[in-house]
Amino acid sequence: MHARVGRATCNQNRKGNEMGRGLLLWLIGIPLPIILIIWLLGGLN
């Protein structure tokens, strides 16, 4: 029983880490194209 509980918590932690990584990549990935567009428009002026 203890091994199953340990495995369940490991799986939950892995899912949390994957969600955290996805959220972090999303937060980084959304502003980057906007910043690049502003930089390009600013560079064109």
C-alpha atoms as a PDB file:
ATOM      1  CA  MET A   1       0.000   0.000   0.000  1.00  0.00           C
ATOM      2  CA  HIS A   2       2.769   2.429   0.827  1.00  0.00           C
ATOM      3  CA  ALA A   3       4.445   1.832  -2.547  1.00  0.00           C
ATOM      4  CA  ARG A   4       1.213   2.643  -4.379  1.00  0.00           C
ATOM      5  CA  VAL A   5       0.792   5.876  -2.434  1.00  0.00           C
ATOM      6  CA  GLY A   6       4.404   6.799  -3.215  1.00  0.00           C
ATOM      7  CA  ARG A   7       3.889   6.111  -6.905  1.00  0.00           C
ATOM      8  CA  ALA A   8       0.689   8.133  -6.956  1.00  0.00           C
ATOM      9  CA  THR A   9       2.399  11.129  -5.385  1.00  0.00           C
ATOM     10  CA  CYS A  10       5.292  10.803  -7.865  1.00  0.00           C
ATOM     11  CA  ASN A  11       2.839  10.759 -10.756  1.00  0.00           C
ATOM     12  CA  GLN A  12       1.024  13.787  -9.343  1.00  0.00           C
ATOM     13  CA  ASN A  13       4.318  15.629  -8.929  1.00  0.00           C
ATOM     14  CA  ARG A  14       5.322  14.790 -12.490  1.00  0.00           C
ATOM     15  CA  LYS A  15       1.997  16.062 -13.812  1.00  0.00           C
ATOM     16  CA  GLY A  16       2.423  19.247 -11.795  1.00  0.00           C
ATOM     17  CA  ASN A  17       5.940  19.745 -13.153  1.00  0.00           C
ATOM     18  CA  GLU A  18       4.746  19.182 -16.726  1.00  0.00           C
ATOM     19  CA  MET A  19       1.913  21.670 -16.238  1.00  0.00           C
ATOM     20  CA  GLY A  20       4.358  24.141 -14.675  1.00  0.00           C
ATOM     21  CA  ARG A  21       6.733  23.767 -17.595  1.00  0.00           C
ATOM     22  CA  GLY A  22       3.895  24.183 -20.089  1.00  0.00           C
ATOM     23  CA  LEU A  23       2.669  27.291 -18.282  1.00  0.00           C
ATOM     24  CA  LEU A  24       6.182  28.715 -18.152  1.00  0.00           C
ATOM     25  CA  LEU A  25       6.735  28.051 -21.859  1.00  0.00           C
ATOM     26  CA  TRP A  26       3.331  29.574 -22.644  1.00  0.00           C
ATOM     27  CA  LEU A  27       4.116  32.694 -20.616  1.00  0.00           C
ATOM     28  CA  ILE A  28       7.466  33.020 -22.397  1.00  0.00           C
ATOM     29  CA  GLY A  29       6.064  32.133 -25.827  1.00  0.00           C
ATOM     30  CA  ILE A  30       3.159  34.602 -25.827  1.00  0.00           C
ATOM     31  CA  PRO A  31       5.123  37.853 -25.208  1.00  0.00           C
ATOM     32  CA  LEU A  32       8.105  36.942 -27.405  1.00  0.00           C
ATOM     33  CA  PRO A  33       6.368  37.358 -30.806  1.00  0.00           C
ATOM     34  CA  ILE A  34       4.771  40.600 -29.588  1.00  0.00           C
ATOM     35  CA  ILE A  35       8.143  41.927 -28.424  1.00  0.00           C
ATOM     36  CA  LEU A  36       9.726  40.916 -31.743  1.00  0.00           C
ATOM     37  CA  ILE A  37       6.976  42.677 -33.717  1.00  0.00           C
ATOM     38  CA  ILE A  38       7.363  45.860 -31.635  1.00  0.00           C
ATOM     39  CA  TRP A  39      11.149  45.653 -32.024  1.00  0.00           C
ATOM     40  CA  LEU A  40      10.849  45.184 -35.776  1.00  0.00           C
ATOM     41  CA  LEU A  41       8.379  48.057 -36.104  1.00  0.00           C
ATOM     42  CA  GLY A  42      10.594  50.236 -33.916  1.00  0.00           C
ATOM     43  CA  GLY A  43      13.618  49.258 -35.960  1.00  0.00           C
ATOM     44  CA  LEU A  44      11.862  50.135 -39.206  1.00  0.00           C
ATOM     45  CA  ASN A  45      11.084  53.681 -38.055  1.00  0.00           C
END
